[in-house]
Amino acid sequence: MGTALMRWLLLILGLIFLGLQYKLWVGEGSLAEVWHLKGAVAEQGGENEELRERNRALDAEVQDLKQGLEAVEERARSELGMIRDGETFYQVIESDRKETDD
């Protein structure tokens, strides 16, 4: 009777061990999933740093626009082609072909 009980106990312990091994390697929260999530977290961290840098640059531009009219004027001149009162705008257009004197 003692050996039969011992066999059942070993069988139950073996099944528990296999169940735990399955969960460790394959199931939810497995090592493979942890490795995958660590990679995803590292990738997201890099992307977050890039976005932080972009936000800093945009914030600096916003602060510059709020504080100084020079930045607004520069942007109006370069992007909208605006000029001040009394200024004359000259646009030089270069031709594609070279003219020769014949």
PDB file of N, CA and C in Angstrom:
ATOM      1  N   MET A   1       0.811  -1.185   0.000  1.00  0.00           N
ATOM      2  CA  MET A   1       0.000   0.000   0.000  1.00  0.00           C
ATOM      3  C   MET A   1       0.857   1.253   0.000  1.00  0.00           C
ATOM      4  N   GLY A   2       1.990   1.237   0.625  1.00  0.00           N
ATOM      5  CA  GLY A   2       2.874   2.389   0.703  1.00  0.00           C
ATOM      6  C   GLY A   2       3.474   2.723  -0.649  1.00  0.00           C
ATOM      7  N   THR A   3       3.804   1.685  -1.464  1.00  0.00           N
ATOM      8  CA  THR A   3       4.410   1.954  -2.765  1.00  0.00           C
ATOM      9  C   THR A   3       3.381   2.509  -3.741  1.00  0.00           C
ATOM     10  N   ALA A   4       2.147   2.059  -3.677  1.00  0.00           N
ATOM     11  CA  ALA A   4       1.105   2.576  -4.564  1.00  0.00           C
ATOM     12  C   ALA A   4       0.830   4.050  -4.250  1.00  0.00           C
ATOM     13  N   LEU A   5       0.794   4.367  -2.972  1.00  0.00           N
ATOM     14  CA  LEU A   5       0.583   5.753  -2.567  1.00  0.00           C
ATOM     15  C   LEU A   5       1.752   6.630  -3.028  1.00  0.00           C
ATOM     16  N   MET A   6       2.965   6.099  -2.914  1.00  0.00           N
ATOM     17  CA  MET A   6       4.156   6.831  -3.335  1.00  0.00           C
ATOM     18  C   MET A   6       4.136   7.072  -4.844  1.00  0.00           C
ATOM     19  N   ARG A   7       3.677   6.085  -5.612  1.00  0.00           N
ATOM     20  CA  ARG A   7       3.594   6.239  -7.070  1.00  0.00           C
ATOM     21  C   ARG A   7       2.593   7.335  -7.439  1.00  0.00           C
ATOM     22  N   TRP A   8       1.432   7.333  -6.782  1.00  0.00           N
ATOM     23  CA  TRP A   8       0.426   8.357  -7.047  1.00  0.00           C
ATOM     24  C   TRP A   8       0.960   9.754  -6.681  1.00  0.00           C
ATOM     25  N   LEU A   9       1.642   9.812  -5.586  1.00  0.00           N
ATOM     26  CA  LEU A   9       2.212  11.077  -5.145  1.00  0.00           C
ATOM     27  C   LEU A   9       3.256  11.581  -6.148  1.00  0.00           C
ATOM     28  N   LEU A  10       4.123  10.682  -6.623  1.00  0.00           N
ATOM     29  CA  LEU A  10       5.121  11.047  -7.629  1.00  0.00           C
ATOM     30  C   LEU A  10       4.453  11.472  -8.936  1.00  0.00           C
ATOM     31  N   LEU A  11       3.398  10.773  -9.323  1.00  0.00           N
ATOM     32  CA  LEU A  11       2.672  11.117 -10.542  1.00  0.00           C
ATOM     33  C   LEU A  11       2.049  12.512 -10.420  1.00  0.00           C
ATOM     34  N   ILE A  12       1.433  12.783  -9.295  1.00  0.00           N
ATOM     35  CA  ILE A  12       0.819  14.098  -9.079  1.00  0.00           C
ATOM     36  C   ILE A  12       1.889  15.193  -9.060  1.00  0.00           C
ATOM     37  N   LEU A  13       2.988  14.958  -8.366  1.00  0.00           N
ATOM     38  CA  LEU A  13       4.078  15.934  -8.329  1.00  0.00           C
ATOM     39  C   LEU A  13       4.678  16.148  -9.720  1.00  0.00           C
ATOM     40  N   GLY A  14       4.799  15.075 -10.488  1.00  0.00           N
ATOM     41  CA  GLY A  14       5.315  15.186 -11.858  1.00  0.00           C
ATOM     42  C   GLY A  14       4.396  16.020 -12.734  1.00  0.00           C
ATOM     43  N   LEU A  15       3.077  15.809 -12.617  1.00  0.00           N
ATOM     44  CA  LEU A  15       2.119  16.598 -13.389  1.00  0.00           C
ATOM     45  C   LEU A  15       2.160  18.076 -12.986  1.00  0.00           C
ATOM     46  N   ILE A  16       2.288  18.327 -11.694  1.00  0.00           N
ATOM     47  CA  ILE A  16       2.403  19.716 -11.231  1.00  0.00           C
ATOM     48  C   ILE A  16       3.668  20.351 -11.798  1.00  0.00           C
ATOM     49  N   PHE A  17       4.772  19.599 -11.760  1.00  0.00           N
ATOM     50  CA  PHE A  17       6.038  20.108 -12.298  1.00  0.00           C
ATOM     51  C   PHE A  17       5.916  20.412 -13.788  1.00  0.00           C
ATOM     52  N   LEU A  18       5.294  19.513 -14.553  1.00  0.00           N
ATOM     53  CA  LEU A  18       5.115  19.748 -15.988  1.00  0.00           C
ATOM     54  C   LEU A  18       4.214  20.955 -16.247  1.00  0.00           C
ATOM     55  N   GLY A  19       3.184  21.113 -15.442  1.00  0.00           N
ATOM     56  CA  GLY A  19       2.303  22.272 -15.590  1.00  0.00           C
ATOM     57  C   GLY A  19       3.042  23.575 -15.336  1.00  0.00           C
ATOM     58  N   LEU A  20       3.886  23.576 -14.320  1.00  0.00           N
ATOM     59  CA  LEU A  20       4.671  24.775 -14.031  1.00  0.00           C
ATOM     60  C   LEU A  20       5.691  25.056 -15.135  1.00  0.00           C
ATOM     61  N   GLN A  21       6.302  24.013 -15.662  1.00  0.00           N
ATOM     62  CA  GLN A  21       7.255  24.188 -16.758  1.00  0.00           C
ATOM     63  C   GLN A  21       6.558  24.743 -17.995  1.00  0.00           C
ATOM     64  N   TYR A  22       5.363  24.243 -18.275  1.00  0.00           N
ATOM     65  CA  TYR A  22       4.600  24.743 -19.420  1.00  0.00           C
ATOM     66  C   TYR A  22       4.339  26.236 -19.250  1.00  0.00           C
ATOM     67  N   LYS A  23       3.894  26.619 -18.062  1.00  0.00           N
ATOM     68  CA  LYS A  23       3.597  28.031 -17.805  1.00  0.00           C
ATOM     69  C   LYS A  23       4.864  28.876 -17.910  1.00  0.00           C
ATOM     70  N   LEU A  24       6.005  28.334 -17.481  1.00  0.00           N
ATOM     71  CA  LEU A  24       7.265  29.066 -17.531  1.00  0.00           C
ATOM     72  C   LEU A  24       7.715  29.317 -18.963  1.00  0.00           C
ATOM     73  N   TRP A  25       7.576  28.347 -19.838  1.00  0.00           N
ATOM     74  CA  TRP A  25       8.124  28.455 -21.193  1.00  0.00           C
ATOM     75  C   TRP A  25       7.106  28.869 -22.243  1.00  0.00           C
ATOM     76  N   VAL A  26       5.828  28.513 -22.070  1.00  0.00           N
ATOM     77  CA  VAL A  26       4.858  28.708 -23.140  1.00  0.00           C
ATOM     78  C   VAL A  26       3.683  29.580 -22.729  1.00  0.00           C
ATOM     79  N   GLY A  27       3.200  29.457 -21.546  1.00  0.00           N
ATOM     80  CA  GLY A  27       1.952  30.105 -21.144  1.00  0.00           C
ATOM     81  C   GLY A  27       2.049  31.609 -20.984  1.00  0.00           C
ATOM     82  N   GLU A  28       0.978  32.171 -20.461  1.00  0.00           N
ATOM     83  CA  GLU A  28       0.915  33.606 -20.229  1.00  0.00           C
ATOM     84  C   GLU A  28       1.938  33.990 -19.159  1.00  0.00           C
ATOM     85  N   GLY A  29       2.708  35.039 -19.426  1.00  0.00           N
ATOM     86  CA  GLY A  29       3.759  35.457 -18.503  1.00  0.00           C
ATOM     87  C   GLY A  29       5.005  34.603 -18.610  1.00  0.00           C
ATOM     88  N   SER A  30       5.175  33.907 -19.733  1.00  0.00           N
ATOM     89  CA  SER A  30       6.333  33.034 -19.920  1.00  0.00           C
ATOM     90  C   SER A  30       7.598  33.853 -20.145  1.00  0.00           C
ATOM     91  N   LEU A  31       8.726  33.183 -20.118  1.00  0.00           N
ATOM     92  CA  LEU A  31      10.000  33.858 -20.350  1.00  0.00           C
ATOM     93  C   LEU A  31      10.055  34.472 -21.745  1.00  0.00           C
ATOM     94  N   ALA A  32       9.512  33.770 -22.733  1.00  0.00           N
ATOM     95  CA  ALA A  32       9.510  34.304 -24.095  1.00  0.00           C
ATOM     96  C   ALA A  32       8.718  35.612 -24.156  1.00  0.00           C
ATOM     97  N   GLU A  33       7.604  35.654 -23.481  1.00  0.00           N
ATOM     98  CA  GLU A  33       6.793  36.875 -23.460  1.00  0.00           C
ATOM     99  C   GLU A  33       7.518  38.000 -22.725  1.00  0.00           C
ATOM    100  N   VAL A  34       8.213  37.666 -21.646  1.00  0.00           N
ATOM    101  CA  VAL A  34       8.978  38.669 -20.900  1.00  0.00           C
ATOM    102  C   VAL A  34      10.078  39.249 -21.778  1.00  0.00           C
ATOM    103  N   TRP A  35      10.800  38.400 -22.514  1.00  0.00           N
ATOM    104  CA  TRP A  35      11.868  38.878 -23.405  1.00  0.00           C
ATOM    105  C   TRP A  35      11.290  39.787 -24.491  1.00  0.00           C
ATOM    106  N   HIS A  36      10.164  39.373 -25.039  1.00  0.00           N
ATOM    107  CA  HIS A  36       9.510  40.185 -26.070  1.00  0.00           C
ATOM    108  C   HIS A  36       9.107  41.553 -25.509  1.00  0.00           C
ATOM    109  N   LEU A  37       8.534  41.560 -24.318  1.00  0.00           N
ATOM    110  CA  LEU A  37       8.100  42.818 -23.709  1.00  0.00           C
ATOM    111  C   LEU A  37       9.283  43.715 -23.355  1.00  0.00           C
ATOM    112  N   LYS A  38      10.407  43.119 -22.936  1.00  0.00           N
ATOM    113  CA  LYS A  38      11.600  43.926 -22.647  1.00  0.00           C
ATOM    114  C   LYS A  38      12.087  44.619 -23.912  1.00  0.00           C
ATOM    115  N   GLY A  39      12.070  43.904 -25.028  1.00  0.00           N
ATOM    116  CA  GLY A  39      12.459  44.512 -26.303  1.00  0.00           C
ATOM    117  C   GLY A  39      11.513  45.627 -26.703  1.00  0.00           C
ATOM    118  N   ALA A  40      10.216  45.399 -26.516  1.00  0.00           N
ATOM    119  CA  ALA A  40       9.223  46.420 -26.861  1.00  0.00           C
ATOM    120  C   ALA A  40       9.376  47.656 -25.976  1.00  0.00           C
ATOM    121  N   VAL A  41       9.683  47.449 -24.701  1.00  0.00           N
ATOM    122  CA  VAL A  41       9.877  48.577 -23.780  1.00  0.00           C
ATOM    123  C   VAL A  41      11.110  49.380 -24.182  1.00  0.00           C
ATOM    124  N   ALA A  42      12.191  48.694 -24.551  1.00  0.00           N
ATOM    125  CA  ALA A  42      13.407  49.395 -24.980  1.00  0.00           C
ATOM    126  C   ALA A  42      13.152  50.194 -26.254  1.00  0.00           C
ATOM    127  N   GLU A  43      12.445  49.593 -27.195  1.00  0.00           N
ATOM    128  CA  GLU A  43      12.113  50.285 -28.447  1.00  0.00           C
ATOM    129  C   GLU A  43      11.241  51.513 -28.175  1.00  0.00           C
ATOM    130  N   GLN A  44      10.259  51.352 -27.320  1.00  0.00           N
ATOM    131  CA  GLN A  44       9.376  52.469 -26.977  1.00  0.00           C
ATOM    132  C   GLN A  44      10.148  53.567 -26.257  1.00  0.00           C
ATOM    133  N   GLY A  45      11.113  53.172 -25.425  1.00  0.00           N
ATOM    134  CA  GLY A  45      11.937  54.165 -24.732  1.00  0.00           C
ATOM    135  C   GLY A  45      12.718  55.020 -25.713  1.00  0.00           C
ATOM    136  N   GLY A  46      13.272  54.392 -26.759  1.00  0.00           N
ATOM    137  CA  GLY A  46      13.989  55.146 -27.789  1.00  0.00           C
ATOM    138  C   GLY A  46      13.073  56.099 -28.526  1.00  0.00           C
ATOM    139  N   GLU A  47      11.899  55.620 -28.866  1.00  0.00           N
ATOM    140  CA  GLU A  47      10.922  56.469 -29.560  1.00  0.00           C
ATOM    141  C   GLU A  47      10.484  57.633 -28.669  1.00  0.00           C
ATOM    142  N   ASN A  48      10.303  57.356 -27.377  1.00  0.00           N
ATOM    143  CA  ASN A  48       9.914  58.415 -26.442  1.00  0.00           C
ATOM    144  C   ASN A  48      10.986  59.492 -26.358  1.00  0.00           C
ATOM    145  N   GLU A  49      12.260  59.087 -26.366  1.00  0.00           N
ATOM    146  CA  GLU A  49      13.344  60.065 -26.296  1.00  0.00           C
ATOM    147  C   GLU A  49      13.363  60.952 -27.539  1.00  0.00           C
ATOM    148  N   GLU A  50      13.141  60.352 -28.706  1.00  0.00           N
ATOM    149  CA  GLU A  50      13.066  61.139 -29.942  1.00  0.00           C
ATOM    150  C   GLU A  50      11.921  62.151 -29.866  1.00  0.00           C
ATOM    151  N   LEU A  51      10.784  61.713 -29.350  1.00  0.00           N
ATOM    152  CA  LEU A  51       9.630  62.607 -29.233  1.00  0.00           C
ATOM    153  C   LEU A  51       9.877  63.708 -28.200  1.00  0.00           C
ATOM    154  N   ARG A  52      10.617  63.384 -27.126  1.00  0.00           N
ATOM    155  CA  ARG A  52      10.959  64.416 -26.146  1.00  0.00           C
ATOM    156  C   ARG A  52      11.816  65.507 -26.790  1.00  0.00           C
ATOM    157  N   GLU A  53      12.796  65.083 -27.597  1.00  0.00           N
ATOM    158  CA  GLU A  53      13.653  66.052 -28.289  1.00  0.00           C
ATOM    159  C   GLU A  53      12.823  66.932 -29.227  1.00  0.00           C
ATOM    160  N   ARG A  54      11.914  66.308 -29.952  1.00  0.00           N
ATOM    161  CA  ARG A  54      11.042  67.063 -30.863  1.00  0.00           C
ATOM    162  C   ARG A  54      10.187  68.053 -30.083  1.00  0.00           C
ATOM    163  N   ASN A  55       9.651  67.610 -28.951  1.00  0.00           N
ATOM    164  CA  ASN A  55       8.826  68.490 -28.121  1.00  0.00           C
ATOM    165  C   ASN A  55       9.637  69.663 -27.573  1.00  0.00           C
ATOM    166  N   ARG A  56      10.903  69.400 -27.193  1.00  0.00           N
ATOM    167  CA  ARG A  56      11.751  70.492 -26.703  1.00  0.00           C
ATOM    168  C   ARG A  56      11.970  71.535 -27.795  1.00  0.00           C
ATOM    169  N   ALA A  57      12.235  71.061 -29.013  1.00  0.00           N
ATOM    170  CA  ALA A  57      12.455  71.985 -30.127  1.00  0.00           C
ATOM    171  C   ALA A  57      11.191  72.795 -30.413  1.00  0.00           C
ATOM    172  N   LEU A  58      10.042  72.130 -30.416  1.00  0.00           N
ATOM    173  CA  LEU A  58       8.778  72.835 -30.657  1.00  0.00           C
ATOM    174  C   LEU A  58       8.468  73.820 -29.530  1.00  0.00           C
ATOM    175  N   ASP A  59       8.767  73.426 -28.302  1.00  0.00           N
ATOM    176  CA  ASP A  59       8.535  74.317 -27.168  1.00  0.00           C
ATOM    177  C   ASP A  59       9.420  75.559 -27.270  1.00  0.00           C
ATOM    178  N   ALA A  60      10.673  75.363 -27.665  1.00  0.00           N
ATOM    179  CA  ALA A  60      11.570  76.510 -27.831  1.00  0.00           C
ATOM    180  C   ALA A  60      11.051  77.441 -28.920  1.00  0.00           C
ATOM    181  N   GLU A  61      10.541  76.866 -29.998  1.00  0.00           N
ATOM    182  CA  GLU A  61       9.990  77.684 -31.079  1.00  0.00           C
ATOM    183  C   GLU A  61       8.750  78.453 -30.610  1.00  0.00           C
ATOM    184  N   VAL A  62       7.894  77.802 -29.847  1.00  0.00           N
ATOM    185  CA  VAL A  62       6.693  78.463 -29.325  1.00  0.00           C
ATOM    186  C   VAL A  62       7.087  79.602 -28.390  1.00  0.00           C
ATOM    187  N   GLN A  63       8.052  79.357 -27.503  1.00  0.00           N
ATOM    188  CA  GLN A  63       8.503  80.412 -26.591  1.00  0.00           C
ATOM    189  C   GLN A  63       9.085  81.585 -27.362  1.00  0.00           C
ATOM    190  N   ASP A  64       9.840  81.287 -28.408  1.00  0.00           N
ATOM    191  CA  ASP A  64      10.422  82.342 -29.236  1.00  0.00           C
ATOM    192  C   ASP A  64       9.324  83.155 -29.913  1.00  0.00           C
ATOM    193  N   LEU A  65       8.301  82.464 -30.416  1.00  0.00           N
ATOM    194  CA  LEU A  65       7.193  83.167 -31.067  1.00  0.00           C
ATOM    195  C   LEU A  65       6.393  84.009 -30.071  1.00  0.00           C
ATOM    196  N   LYS A  66       6.272  83.544 -28.842  1.00  0.00           N
ATOM    197  CA  LYS A  66       5.526  84.291 -27.831  1.00  0.00           C
ATOM    198  C   LYS A  66       6.288  85.533 -27.378  1.00  0.00           C
ATOM    199  N   GLN A  67       7.615  85.435 -27.313  1.00  0.00           N
ATOM    200  CA  GLN A  67       8.398  86.512 -26.712  1.00  0.00           C
ATOM    201  C   GLN A  67       8.865  87.563 -27.708  1.00  0.00           C
ATOM    202  N   GLY A  68       9.202  87.170 -28.906  1.00  0.00           N
ATOM    203  CA  GLY A  68       9.800  88.143 -29.796  1.00  0.00           C
ATOM    204  C   GLY A  68       9.072  88.261 -31.114  1.00  0.00           C
ATOM    205  N   LEU A  69       8.973  89.489 -31.584  1.00  0.00           N
ATOM    206  CA  LEU A  69       8.351  89.714 -32.882  1.00  0.00           C
ATOM    207  C   LEU A  69       9.308  89.396 -34.020  1.00  0.00           C
ATOM    208  N   GLU A  70      10.606  89.310 -33.710  1.00  0.00           N
ATOM    209  CA  GLU A  70      11.576  89.011 -34.758  1.00  0.00           C
ATOM    210  C   GLU A  70      11.304  87.645 -35.388  1.00  0.00           C
ATOM    211  N   ALA A  71      10.964  86.678 -34.554  1.00  0.00           N
ATOM    212  CA  ALA A  71      10.692  85.339 -35.075  1.00  0.00           C
ATOM    213  C   ALA A  71       9.441  85.344 -35.946  1.00  0.00           C
ATOM    214  N   VAL A  72       8.433  86.096 -35.534  1.00  0.00           N
ATOM    215  CA  VAL A  72       7.204  86.182 -36.325  1.00  0.00           C
ATOM    216  C   VAL A  72       7.502  86.853 -37.658  1.00  0.00           C
ATOM    217  N   GLU A  73       8.293  87.932 -37.604  1.00  0.00           N
ATOM    218  CA  GLU A  73       8.639  88.639 -38.833  1.00  0.00           C
ATOM    219  C   GLU A  73       9.455  87.747 -39.765  1.00  0.00           C
ATOM    220  N   GLU A  74      10.406  87.031 -39.200  1.00  0.00           N
ATOM    221  CA  GLU A  74      11.231  86.134 -40.018  1.00  0.00           C
ATOM    222  C   GLU A  74      10.383  85.065 -40.697  1.00  0.00           C
ATOM    223  N   ARG A  75       9.460  84.509 -39.941  1.00  0.00           N
ATOM    224  CA  ARG A  75       8.589  83.477 -40.505  1.00  0.00           C
ATOM    225  C   ARG A  75       7.671  84.057 -41.581  1.00  0.00           C
ATOM    226  N   ALA A  76       7.142  85.246 -41.356  1.00  0.00           N
ATOM    227  CA  ALA A  76       6.272  85.885 -42.347  1.00  0.00           C
ATOM    228  C   ALA A  76       7.046  86.177 -43.626  1.00  0.00           C
ATOM    229  N   ARG A  77       8.300  86.593 -43.487  1.00  0.00           N
ATOM    230  CA  ARG A  77       9.114  86.885 -44.669  1.00  0.00           C
ATOM    231  C   ARG A  77       9.452  85.611 -45.441  1.00  0.00           C
ATOM    232  N   SER A  78       9.905  84.588 -44.726  1.00  0.00           N
ATOM    233  CA  SER A  78      10.384  83.387 -45.426  1.00  0.00           C
ATOM    234  C   SER A  78       9.252  82.502 -45.942  1.00  0.00           C
ATOM    235  N   GLU A  79       8.197  82.338 -45.158  1.00  0.00           N
ATOM    236  CA  GLU A  79       7.144  81.404 -45.551  1.00  0.00           C
ATOM    237  C   GLU A  79       6.017  82.061 -46.342  1.00  0.00           C
ATOM    238  N   LEU A  80       5.733  83.325 -46.048  1.00  0.00           N
ATOM    239  CA  LEU A  80       4.601  83.988 -46.695  1.00  0.00           C
ATOM    240  C   LEU A  80       5.022  85.030 -47.717  1.00  0.00           C
ATOM    241  N   GLY A  81       6.328  85.325 -47.782  1.00  0.00           N
ATOM    242  CA  GLY A  81       6.823  86.293 -48.750  1.00  0.00           C
ATOM    243  C   GLY A  81       6.407  87.722 -48.443  1.00  0.00           C
ATOM    244  N   MET A  82       6.162  88.029 -47.193  1.00  0.00           N
ATOM    245  CA  MET A  82       5.716  89.372 -46.815  1.00  0.00           C
ATOM    246  C   MET A  82       6.911  90.319 -46.711  1.00  0.00           C
ATOM    247  N   ILE A  83       6.644  91.616 -46.904  1.00  0.00           N
ATOM    248  CA  ILE A  83       7.674  92.644 -46.772  1.00  0.00           C
ATOM    249  C   ILE A  83       7.132  93.777 -45.917  1.00  0.00           C
ATOM    250  N   ARG A  84       8.045  94.630 -45.420  1.00  0.00           N
ATOM    251  CA  ARG A  84       7.639  95.784 -44.613  1.00  0.00           C
ATOM    252  C   ARG A  84       7.154  96.917 -45.511  1.00  0.00           C
ATOM    253  N   ASP A  85       6.462  97.852 -44.905  1.00  0.00           N
ATOM    254  CA  ASP A  85       6.056  99.063 -45.632  1.00  0.00           C
ATOM    255  C   ASP A  85       7.308  99.816 -46.062  1.00  0.00           C
ATOM    256  N   GLY A  86       7.312 100.254 -47.294  1.00  0.00           N
ATOM    257  CA  GLY A  86       8.435 101.016 -47.803  1.00  0.00           C
ATOM    258  C   GLY A  86       9.546 100.162 -48.388  1.00  0.00           C
ATOM    259  N   GLU A  87       9.492  98.854 -48.214  1.00  0.00           N
ATOM    260  CA  GLU A  87      10.510  97.969 -48.786  1.00  0.00           C
ATOM    261  C   GLU A  87      10.108  97.583 -50.198  1.00  0.00           C
ATOM    262  N   THR A  88      11.096  97.265 -50.995  1.00  0.00           N
ATOM    263  CA  THR A  88      10.846  96.776 -52.346  1.00  0.00           C
ATOM    264  C   THR A  88      11.432  95.380 -52.441  1.00  0.00           C
ATOM    265  N   PHE A  89      10.651  94.460 -52.950  1.00  0.00           N
ATOM    266  CA  PHE A  89      11.090  93.073 -53.078  1.00  0.00           C
ATOM    267  C   PHE A  89      11.489  92.821 -54.521  1.00  0.00           C
ATOM    268  N   TYR A  90      12.695  92.357 -54.701  1.00  0.00           N
ATOM    269  CA  TYR A  90      13.186  92.013 -56.033  1.00  0.00           C
ATOM    270  C   TYR A  90      13.399  90.512 -56.077  1.00  0.00           C
ATOM    271  N   GLN A  91      12.886  89.899 -57.118  1.00  0.00           N
ATOM    272  CA  GLN A  91      13.077  88.464 -57.299  1.00  0.00           C
ATOM    273  C   GLN A  91      13.884  88.265 -58.567  1.00  0.00           C
ATOM    274  N   VAL A  92      15.017  87.614 -58.435  1.00  0.00           N
ATOM    275  CA  VAL A  92      15.897  87.366 -59.570  1.00  0.00           C
ATOM    276  C   VAL A  92      15.649  85.948 -60.041  1.00  0.00           C
ATOM    277  N   ILE A  93      15.287  85.828 -61.306  1.00  0.00           N
ATOM    278  CA  ILE A  93      15.029  84.515 -61.886  1.00  0.00           C
ATOM    279  C   ILE A  93      16.161  84.212 -62.852  1.00  0.00           C
ATOM    280  N   GLU A  94      16.847  83.128 -62.598  1.00  0.00           N
ATOM    281  CA  GLU A  94      17.945  82.731 -63.468  1.00  0.00           C
ATOM    282  C   GLU A  94      17.388  81.871 -64.587  1.00  0.00           C
ATOM    283  N   SER A  95      17.873  82.123 -65.795  1.00  0.00           N
ATOM    284  CA  SER A  95      17.393  81.323 -66.928  1.00  0.00           C
ATOM    285  C   SER A  95      18.151  80.007 -66.965  1.00  0.00           C
ATOM    286  N   ASP A  96      17.516  78.999 -67.542  1.00  0.00           N
ATOM    287  CA  ASP A  96      18.127  77.680 -67.624  1.00  0.00           C
ATOM    288  C   ASP A  96      19.174  77.600 -68.721  1.00  0.00           C
ATOM    289  N   ARG A  97      18.965  78.346 -69.791  1.00  0.00           N
ATOM    290  CA  ARG A  97      19.919  78.271 -70.904  1.00  0.00           C
ATOM    291  C   ARG A  97      20.830  79.480 -70.865  1.00  0.00           C
ATOM    292  N   LYS A  98      22.013  79.311 -71.372  1.00  0.00           N
ATOM    293  CA  LYS A  98      22.969  80.409 -71.410  1.00  0.00           C
ATOM    294  C   LYS A  98      22.823  81.139 -72.729  1.00  0.00           C
ATOM    295  N   GLU A  99      22.730  82.440 -72.641  1.00  0.00           N
ATOM    296  CA  GLU A  99      22.624  83.241 -73.856  1.00  0.00           C
ATOM    297  C   GLU A  99      24.029  83.583 -74.331  1.00  0.00           C
ATOM    298  N   THR A 100      24.232  83.471 -75.622  1.00  0.00           N
ATOM    299  CA  THR A 100      25.539  83.804 -76.186  1.00  0.00           C
ATOM    300  C   THR A 100      25.381  84.943 -77.167  1.00  0.00           C
ATOM    301  N   ASP A 101      26.369  85.780 -77.252  1.00  0.00           N
ATOM    302  CA  ASP A 101      26.359  86.880 -78.217  1.00  0.00           C
ATOM    303  C   ASP A 101      26.852  86.350 -79.545  1.00  0.00           C
ATOM    304  N   ASP A 102      26.042  86.473 -80.594  1.00  0.00           N
ATOM    305  CA  ASP A 102      26.444  85.996 -81.927  1.00  0.00           C
ATOM    306  C   ASP A 102      26.854  87.118 -82.809  1.00  0.00           C
TER     307      ASP A 102
END
